[in-house]
């Protein structure tokens, strides 16, 4: 892909560590990925906040590394019920007092955001249940609010990708193995979508899907995309 001269970015919904940690892991595995090319909800939530005019105070559910990353990015974090936004990333532990304070903040008018609302994601030994989705669901149940996703699939995520690549969404190809995450992400902004059959959606029968949910193209493996470049 680099040899074709096209810019690229990778987006993962992982939010337990800063984006640079994911990039370092990929470099250790032999993939030449720069820190700023690795995008996560910790990046796209900043895009969401900027689109609201900036200056929003955020009640955060996240681990220490993610919290430190957002503080360094000048996101205003608070721990009270007057927050403008409640943002649920991955948290290793949650207590009922914080859940209640967050729910009360939402009842007062705070926007409830979550990195992802998928109940689980693929792991080497089967589905891994999402603690972030569990946390967001608890706050949603108590407050009556529906969480807004800022990771995949969301306009905030697509805007983050667009800004990183420096091209309009109509010139972006979103490539991934998940119809509900990757293809849905591209569909939000008119990007071209390519489903890779080697992943989580490998057994889905596309003929049974609504046209609006189908990818523009399907490949058996990511290497097949290279023939198009």
C-alpha atoms as a PDB file:
ATOM      1  CA  UNK A   1       0.000   0.000   0.000  1.00  0.00           C
ATOM      2  CA  UNK A   2       2.819   2.395   0.803  1.00  0.00           C
ATOM      3  CA  UNK A   3       4.494   1.574  -2.499  1.00  0.00           C
ATOM      4  CA  UNK A   4       1.335   2.732  -4.292  1.00  0.00           C
ATOM      5  CA  UNK A   5       1.816   6.203  -2.791  1.00  0.00           C
ATOM      6  CA  UNK A   6      -1.479   6.180  -0.923  1.00  0.00           C
ATOM      7  CA  UNK A   7      -1.694   7.307   2.708  1.00  0.00           C
ATOM      8  CA  UNK A   8      -3.074   4.764   5.144  1.00  0.00           C
ATOM      9  CA  UNK A   9      -4.400   4.599   8.683  1.00  0.00           C
ATOM     10  CA  UNK A  10      -5.487   1.799  10.976  1.00  0.00           C
ATOM     11  CA  UNK A  11      -8.470   2.161  13.300  1.00  0.00           C
ATOM     12  CA  UNK A  12      -9.082  -0.151  16.243  1.00  0.00           C
ATOM     13  CA  UNK A  13     -11.800   0.189  18.857  1.00  0.00           C
ATOM     14  CA  UNK A  14      -9.327  -0.761  21.571  1.00  0.00           C
ATOM     15  CA  UNK A  15      -9.271   1.965  24.215  1.00  0.00           C
ATOM     16  CA  UNK A  16      -7.397   0.447  27.148  1.00  0.00           C
ATOM     17  CA  UNK A  17      -4.058   1.961  26.105  1.00  0.00           C
ATOM     18  CA  UNK A  18      -2.968   5.022  24.076  1.00  0.00           C
ATOM     19  CA  UNK A  19      -2.791   4.688  20.269  1.00  0.00           C
ATOM     20  CA  UNK A  20       1.012   4.762  20.270  1.00  0.00           C
ATOM     21  CA  UNK A  21       1.082   1.555  22.321  1.00  0.00           C
ATOM     22  CA  UNK A  22      -0.898  -0.275  19.631  1.00  0.00           C
ATOM     23  CA  UNK A  23       1.424   1.135  16.961  1.00  0.00           C
ATOM     24  CA  UNK A  24       4.488  -0.040  18.883  1.00  0.00           C
ATOM     25  CA  UNK A  25       3.017  -3.522  19.108  1.00  0.00           C
ATOM     26  CA  UNK A  26       2.470  -3.630  15.343  1.00  0.00           C
ATOM     27  CA  UNK A  27       6.019  -2.432  14.703  1.00  0.00           C
ATOM     28  CA  UNK A  28       7.296  -5.181  16.990  1.00  0.00           C
ATOM     29  CA  UNK A  29       5.350  -7.636  14.819  1.00  0.00           C
ATOM     30  CA  UNK A  30       7.046  -6.283  11.692  1.00  0.00           C
ATOM     31  CA  UNK A  31       4.485  -3.773  10.390  1.00  0.00           C
ATOM     32  CA  UNK A  32       5.779  -0.276   9.630  1.00  0.00           C
ATOM     33  CA  UNK A  33       3.077   1.810  11.312  1.00  0.00           C
ATOM     34  CA  UNK A  34       3.715   5.300  12.674  1.00  0.00           C
ATOM     35  CA  UNK A  35       2.181   6.383  15.965  1.00  0.00           C
ATOM     36  CA  UNK A  36      -0.124   8.917  14.320  1.00  0.00           C
ATOM     37  CA  UNK A  37      -1.362   6.361  11.773  1.00  0.00           C
ATOM     38  CA  UNK A  38      -2.909   4.256  14.542  1.00  0.00           C
ATOM     39  CA  UNK A  39      -6.358   5.624  15.395  1.00  0.00           C
ATOM     40  CA  UNK A  40      -8.634   4.647  18.287  1.00  0.00           C
ATOM     41  CA  UNK A  41     -11.678   6.056  20.113  1.00  0.00           C
ATOM     42  CA  UNK A  42      -9.236   8.007  22.282  1.00  0.00           C
ATOM     43  CA  UNK A  43      -8.483   9.995  19.118  1.00  0.00           C
ATOM     44  CA  UNK A  44     -12.017  10.148  17.731  1.00  0.00           C
ATOM     45  CA  UNK A  45     -13.557  11.316  21.014  1.00  0.00           C
ATOM     46  CA  UNK A  46     -11.325  14.374  20.679  1.00  0.00           C
ATOM     47  CA  UNK A  47     -12.739  14.936  17.200  1.00  0.00           C
ATOM     48  CA  UNK A  48     -16.244  14.660  18.637  1.00  0.00           C
ATOM     49  CA  UNK A  49     -15.465  17.217  21.352  1.00  0.00           C
ATOM     50  CA  UNK A  50     -13.899  19.638  18.856  1.00  0.00           C
ATOM     51  CA  UNK A  51     -16.981  19.368  16.639  1.00  0.00           C
ATOM     52  CA  UNK A  52     -19.024  20.512  19.651  1.00  0.00           C
ATOM     53  CA  UNK A  53     -16.861  23.606  19.949  1.00  0.00           C
ATOM     54  CA  UNK A  54     -14.362  22.253  22.476  1.00  0.00           C
ATOM     55  CA  UNK A  55     -14.193  23.076  26.155  1.00  0.00           C
ATOM     56  CA  UNK A  56     -16.483  20.249  27.285  1.00  0.00           C
ATOM     57  CA  UNK A  57     -15.779  18.671  30.656  1.00  0.00           C
ATOM     58  CA  UNK A  58     -15.602  14.876  30.550  1.00  0.00           C
ATOM     59  CA  UNK A  59     -16.493  12.280  33.197  1.00  0.00           C
ATOM     60  CA  UNK A  60     -14.253   9.389  32.131  1.00  0.00           C
ATOM     61  CA  UNK A  61     -14.354   5.639  32.573  1.00  0.00           C
ATOM     62  CA  UNK A  62     -10.911   4.386  31.509  1.00  0.00           C
ATOM     63  CA  UNK A  63      -7.667   2.908  32.755  1.00  0.00           C
ATOM     64  CA  UNK A  64      -4.757   4.969  34.013  1.00  0.00           C
ATOM     65  CA  UNK A  65      -2.847   4.963  30.697  1.00  0.00           C
ATOM     66  CA  UNK A  66      -5.847   6.138  28.673  1.00  0.00           C
ATOM     67  CA  UNK A  67      -6.671   8.787  31.272  1.00  0.00           C
ATOM     68  CA  UNK A  68      -3.119  10.133  31.180  1.00  0.00           C
ATOM     69  CA  UNK A  69      -3.195  10.218  27.373  1.00  0.00           C
ATOM     70  CA  UNK A  70      -6.379  12.311  27.321  1.00  0.00           C
ATOM     71  CA  UNK A  71      -5.027  14.671  29.987  1.00  0.00           C
ATOM     72  CA  UNK A  72      -1.922  15.223  27.841  1.00  0.00           C
ATOM     73  CA  UNK A  73      -4.261  15.933  24.899  1.00  0.00           C
ATOM     74  CA  UNK A  74      -5.833  18.751  26.982  1.00  0.00           C
ATOM     75  CA  UNK A  75      -9.171  17.019  27.445  1.00  0.00           C
ATOM     76  CA  UNK A  76     -10.802  18.467  30.563  1.00  0.00           C
ATOM     77  CA  UNK A  77     -11.561  15.571  32.917  1.00  0.00           C
ATOM     78  CA  UNK A  78     -13.848  15.966  35.924  1.00  0.00           C
ATOM     79  CA  UNK A  79     -15.333  13.572  38.484  1.00  0.00           C
ATOM     80  CA  UNK A  80     -18.610  15.236  39.321  1.00  0.00           C
ATOM     81  CA  UNK A  81     -22.203  15.280  38.148  1.00  0.00           C
ATOM     82  CA  UNK A  82     -21.844  18.636  36.370  1.00  0.00           C
ATOM     83  CA  UNK A  83     -19.838  17.083  33.512  1.00  0.00           C
ATOM     84  CA  UNK A  84     -20.842  17.965  29.947  1.00  0.00           C
ATOM     85  CA  UNK A  85     -19.957  14.502  28.646  1.00  0.00           C
ATOM     86  CA  UNK A  86     -19.684  11.008  30.103  1.00  0.00           C
ATOM     87  CA  UNK A  87     -17.206   8.964  28.054  1.00  0.00           C
ATOM     88  CA  UNK A  88     -16.884   5.220  28.562  1.00  0.00           C
ATOM     89  CA  UNK A  89     -13.675   3.664  27.283  1.00  0.00           C
ATOM     90  CA  UNK A  90     -12.246   0.391  28.617  1.00  0.00           C
ATOM     91  CA  UNK A  91     -12.021   0.292  32.389  1.00  0.00           C
ATOM     92  CA  UNK A  92     -10.549  -2.583  34.392  1.00  0.00           C
ATOM     93  CA  UNK A  93     -12.787  -1.880  37.370  1.00  0.00           C
ATOM     94  CA  UNK A  94     -15.970   0.100  37.999  1.00  0.00           C
ATOM     95  CA  UNK A  95     -17.752   0.842  41.260  1.00  0.00           C
ATOM     96  CA  UNK A  96     -21.394   1.653  41.827  1.00  0.00           C
ATOM     97  CA  UNK A  97     -20.717   5.139  43.204  1.00  0.00           C
ATOM     98  CA  UNK A  98     -19.057   6.221  39.939  1.00  0.00           C
ATOM     99  CA  UNK A  99     -21.809   4.591  37.898  1.00  0.00           C
ATOM    100  CA  UNK A 100     -24.417   6.489  39.873  1.00  0.00           C
ATOM    101  CA  UNK A 101     -22.577   9.813  39.575  1.00  0.00           C
ATOM    102  CA  UNK A 102     -22.241   9.273  35.820  1.00  0.00           C
ATOM    103  CA  UNK A 103     -25.933   8.416  35.453  1.00  0.00           C
ATOM    104  CA  UNK A 104     -26.885  11.535  37.380  1.00  0.00           C
ATOM    105  CA  UNK A 105     -24.636  13.609  35.115  1.00  0.00           C
ATOM    106  CA  UNK A 106     -26.480  12.204  32.103  1.00  0.00           C
ATOM    107  CA  UNK A 107     -29.827  12.935  33.754  1.00  0.00           C
ATOM    108  CA  UNK A 108     -28.600  16.524  34.189  1.00  0.00           C
ATOM    109  CA  UNK A 109     -27.945  16.744  30.449  1.00  0.00           C
ATOM    110  CA  UNK A 110     -24.493  15.250  29.855  1.00  0.00           C
ATOM    111  CA  UNK A 111     -24.000  13.385  26.582  1.00  0.00           C
ATOM    112  CA  UNK A 112     -23.273   9.671  27.054  1.00  0.00           C
ATOM    113  CA  UNK A 113     -20.463   8.485  24.754  1.00  0.00           C
ATOM    114  CA  UNK A 114     -18.878   5.080  24.435  1.00  0.00           C
ATOM    115  CA  UNK A 115     -15.863   3.814  22.526  1.00  0.00           C
ATOM    116  CA  UNK A 116     -17.914   0.863  21.296  1.00  0.00           C
ATOM    117  CA  UNK A 117     -21.311  -0.592  22.124  1.00  0.00           C
ATOM    118  CA  UNK A 118     -20.676  -4.026  20.648  1.00  0.00           C
ATOM    119  CA  UNK A 119     -21.243  -6.673  23.338  1.00  0.00           C
ATOM    120  CA  UNK A 120     -18.093  -8.589  22.408  1.00  0.00           C
ATOM    121  CA  UNK A 121     -15.176  -8.683  20.016  1.00  0.00           C
ATOM    122  CA  UNK A 122     -13.131 -11.487  18.501  1.00  0.00           C
ATOM    123  CA  UNK A 123     -10.341 -13.039  20.506  1.00  0.00           C
ATOM    124  CA  UNK A 124      -7.897 -15.871  19.884  1.00  0.00           C
ATOM    125  CA  UNK A 125      -9.975 -18.220  22.041  1.00  0.00           C
ATOM    126  CA  UNK A 126     -13.436 -16.942  21.173  1.00  0.00           C
ATOM    127  CA  UNK A 127     -15.486 -13.823  21.898  1.00  0.00           C
ATOM    128  CA  UNK A 128     -14.170 -11.394  24.506  1.00  0.00           C
ATOM    129  CA  UNK A 129     -16.987  -9.635  26.350  1.00  0.00           C
ATOM    130  CA  UNK A 130     -16.718  -5.848  26.267  1.00  0.00           C
ATOM    131  CA  UNK A 131     -16.383  -4.242  29.682  1.00  0.00           C
ATOM    132  CA  UNK A 132     -16.892  -0.846  28.084  1.00  0.00           C
ATOM    133  CA  UNK A 133     -20.230  -1.922  26.626  1.00  0.00           C
ATOM    134  CA  UNK A 134     -21.285  -3.342  29.998  1.00  0.00           C
ATOM    135  CA  UNK A 135     -20.392  -0.075  31.727  1.00  0.00           C
ATOM    136  CA  UNK A 136     -22.150   2.078  29.141  1.00  0.00           C
ATOM    137  CA  UNK A 137     -25.223  -0.186  29.287  1.00  0.00           C
ATOM    138  CA  UNK A 138     -25.438   0.215  33.061  1.00  0.00           C
ATOM    139  CA  UNK A 139     -25.365   4.018  32.784  1.00  0.00           C
ATOM    140  CA  UNK A 140     -27.863   3.905  29.916  1.00  0.00           C
ATOM    141  CA  UNK A 141     -30.256   1.757  31.934  1.00  0.00           C
ATOM    142  CA  UNK A 142     -30.131   4.082  34.922  1.00  0.00           C
ATOM    143  CA  UNK A 143     -30.387   7.312  32.932  1.00  0.00           C
ATOM    144  CA  UNK A 144     -32.629   6.295  30.042  1.00  0.00           C
ATOM    145  CA  UNK A 145     -30.093   7.657  27.532  1.00  0.00           C
ATOM    146  CA  UNK A 146     -28.845   5.822  24.468  1.00  0.00           C
ATOM    147  CA  UNK A 147     -25.036   5.852  24.235  1.00  0.00           C
ATOM    148  CA  UNK A 148     -23.483   7.501  21.192  1.00  0.00           C
ATOM    149  CA  UNK A 149     -20.568   5.548  19.738  1.00  0.00           C
ATOM    150  CA  UNK A 150     -17.419   7.530  18.909  1.00  0.00           C
ATOM    151  CA  UNK A 151     -15.360   4.533  17.767  1.00  0.00           C
ATOM    152  CA  UNK A 152     -16.354   2.271  14.874  1.00  0.00           C
ATOM    153  CA  UNK A 153     -18.890   2.819  13.391  1.00  0.00           C
ATOM    154  CA  UNK A 154     -19.400   6.561  13.900  1.00  0.00           C
ATOM    155  CA  UNK A 155     -19.046   9.848  12.060  1.00  0.00           C
ATOM    156  CA  UNK A 156     -16.479  10.910  14.663  1.00  0.00           C
ATOM    157  CA  UNK A 157     -14.310   7.921  13.733  1.00  0.00           C
ATOM    158  CA  UNK A 158     -14.730   8.558  10.017  1.00  0.00           C
ATOM    159  CA  UNK A 159     -13.891  12.238  10.490  1.00  0.00           C
ATOM    160  CA  UNK A 160     -10.742  11.251  12.387  1.00  0.00           C
ATOM    161  CA  UNK A 161      -9.680   8.953   9.543  1.00  0.00           C
ATOM    162  CA  UNK A 162     -10.437  11.632   6.949  1.00  0.00           C
ATOM    163  CA  UNK A 163      -8.400  14.236   8.813  1.00  0.00           C
ATOM    164  CA  UNK A 164      -5.474  11.851   9.268  1.00  0.00           C
ATOM    165  CA  UNK A 165      -5.403  10.899   5.576  1.00  0.00           C
ATOM    166  CA  UNK A 166      -6.085  14.411   4.307  1.00  0.00           C
ATOM    167  CA  UNK A 167      -8.617  13.347   1.667  1.00  0.00           C
ATOM    168  CA  UNK A 168     -12.442  13.510   1.459  1.00  0.00           C
ATOM    169  CA  UNK A 169     -14.332  10.416   2.571  1.00  0.00           C
ATOM    170  CA  UNK A 170     -15.392   9.743  -1.026  1.00  0.00           C
ATOM    171  CA  UNK A 171     -11.727   8.975  -1.794  1.00  0.00           C
ATOM    172  CA  UNK A 172     -11.245   6.605   1.161  1.00  0.00           C
ATOM    173  CA  UNK A 173     -11.427   2.810   1.038  1.00  0.00           C
ATOM    174  CA  UNK A 174     -12.416   1.270   4.358  1.00  0.00           C
ATOM    175  CA  UNK A 175     -11.070  -2.279   4.494  1.00  0.00           C
ATOM    176  CA  UNK A 176     -12.035  -4.679   7.271  1.00  0.00           C
ATOM    177  CA  UNK A 177     -13.442  -8.024   8.297  1.00  0.00           C
ATOM    178  CA  UNK A 178     -16.546  -6.882  10.193  1.00  0.00           C
ATOM    179  CA  UNK A 179     -19.761  -5.830   8.478  1.00  0.00           C
ATOM    180  CA  UNK A 180     -21.140  -4.182  11.587  1.00  0.00           C
ATOM    181  CA  UNK A 181     -17.985  -2.213  12.335  1.00  0.00           C
ATOM    182  CA  UNK A 182     -15.811  -1.636   9.279  1.00  0.00           C
ATOM    183  CA  UNK A 183     -18.306  -1.728   6.422  1.00  0.00           C
ATOM    184  CA  UNK A 184     -20.846   0.223   8.482  1.00  0.00           C
ATOM    185  CA  UNK A 185     -18.156   2.836   9.196  1.00  0.00           C
ATOM    186  CA  UNK A 186     -17.462   3.419   5.516  1.00  0.00           C
ATOM    187  CA  UNK A 187     -21.152   3.492   4.657  1.00  0.00           C
ATOM    188  CA  UNK A 188     -21.690   6.439   7.012  1.00  0.00           C
ATOM    189  CA  UNK A 189     -19.710   8.816   4.825  1.00  0.00           C
ATOM    190  CA  UNK A 190     -19.798   7.444   1.304  1.00  0.00           C
ATOM    191  CA  UNK A 191     -16.397   5.765   1.449  1.00  0.00           C
ATOM    192  CA  UNK A 192     -15.670   2.672  -0.626  1.00  0.00           C
ATOM    193  CA  UNK A 193     -15.996  -0.464   1.518  1.00  0.00           C
ATOM    194  CA  UNK A 194     -14.091  -3.725   1.131  1.00  0.00           C
ATOM    195  CA  UNK A 195     -14.937  -6.776   3.219  1.00  0.00           C
ATOM    196  CA  UNK A 196     -12.098  -9.212   3.926  1.00  0.00           C
ATOM    197  CA  UNK A 197     -13.421 -12.769   4.236  1.00  0.00           C
ATOM    198  CA  UNK A 198     -10.588 -13.975   6.457  1.00  0.00           C
ATOM    199  CA  UNK A 199     -12.142 -12.471   9.597  1.00  0.00           C
ATOM    200  CA  UNK A 200     -15.228 -12.284  11.763  1.00  0.00           C
ATOM    201  CA  UNK A 201     -17.799 -11.915   8.948  1.00  0.00           C
ATOM    202  CA  UNK A 202     -16.398 -14.759   6.830  1.00  0.00           C
ATOM    203  CA  UNK A 203     -19.585 -16.856   6.964  1.00  0.00           C
ATOM    204  CA  UNK A 204     -22.118 -14.083   6.383  1.00  0.00           C
ATOM    205  CA  UNK A 205     -24.269 -14.555   3.270  1.00  0.00           C
ATOM    206  CA  UNK A 206     -24.233 -11.159   1.593  1.00  0.00           C
ATOM    207  CA  UNK A 207     -27.250 -11.926  -0.604  1.00  0.00           C
ATOM    208  CA  UNK A 208     -29.390 -11.967   2.509  1.00  0.00           C
ATOM    209  CA  UNK A 209     -28.332  -8.473   3.576  1.00  0.00           C
ATOM    210  CA  UNK A 210     -30.050  -5.213   2.745  1.00  0.00           C
ATOM    211  CA  UNK A 211     -28.249  -3.381  -0.063  1.00  0.00           C
ATOM    212  CA  UNK A 212     -27.425  -0.563   2.338  1.00  0.00           C
ATOM    213  CA  UNK A 213     -25.353  -2.940   4.473  1.00  0.00           C
ATOM    214  CA  UNK A 214     -23.409  -4.672   1.703  1.00  0.00           C
ATOM    215  CA  UNK A 215     -19.757  -3.862   0.971  1.00  0.00           C
ATOM    216  CA  UNK A 216     -18.721  -2.533  -2.411  1.00  0.00           C
ATOM    217  CA  UNK A 217     -16.282  -5.400  -2.826  1.00  0.00           C
ATOM    218  CA  UNK A 218     -15.329  -8.668  -1.138  1.00  0.00           C
ATOM    219  CA  UNK A 219     -11.860 -10.268  -1.031  1.00  0.00           C
ATOM    220  CA  UNK A 220     -10.660 -13.522   0.497  1.00  0.00           C
ATOM    221  CA  UNK A 221      -7.590 -11.942   2.096  1.00  0.00           C
ATOM    222  CA  UNK A 222      -6.011  -8.531   2.507  1.00  0.00           C
ATOM    223  CA  UNK A 223      -3.301  -9.382  -0.058  1.00  0.00           C
ATOM    224  CA  UNK A 224      -5.991  -9.443  -2.753  1.00  0.00           C
ATOM    225  CA  UNK A 225      -6.482  -5.697  -2.286  1.00  0.00           C
ATOM    226  CA  UNK A 226      -2.942  -5.039  -3.480  1.00  0.00           C
ATOM    227  CA  UNK A 227      -3.834  -6.079  -7.029  1.00  0.00           C
ATOM    228  CA  UNK A 228      -6.121  -3.046  -7.259  1.00  0.00           C
ATOM    229  CA  UNK A 229      -3.511  -0.481  -6.250  1.00  0.00           C
END
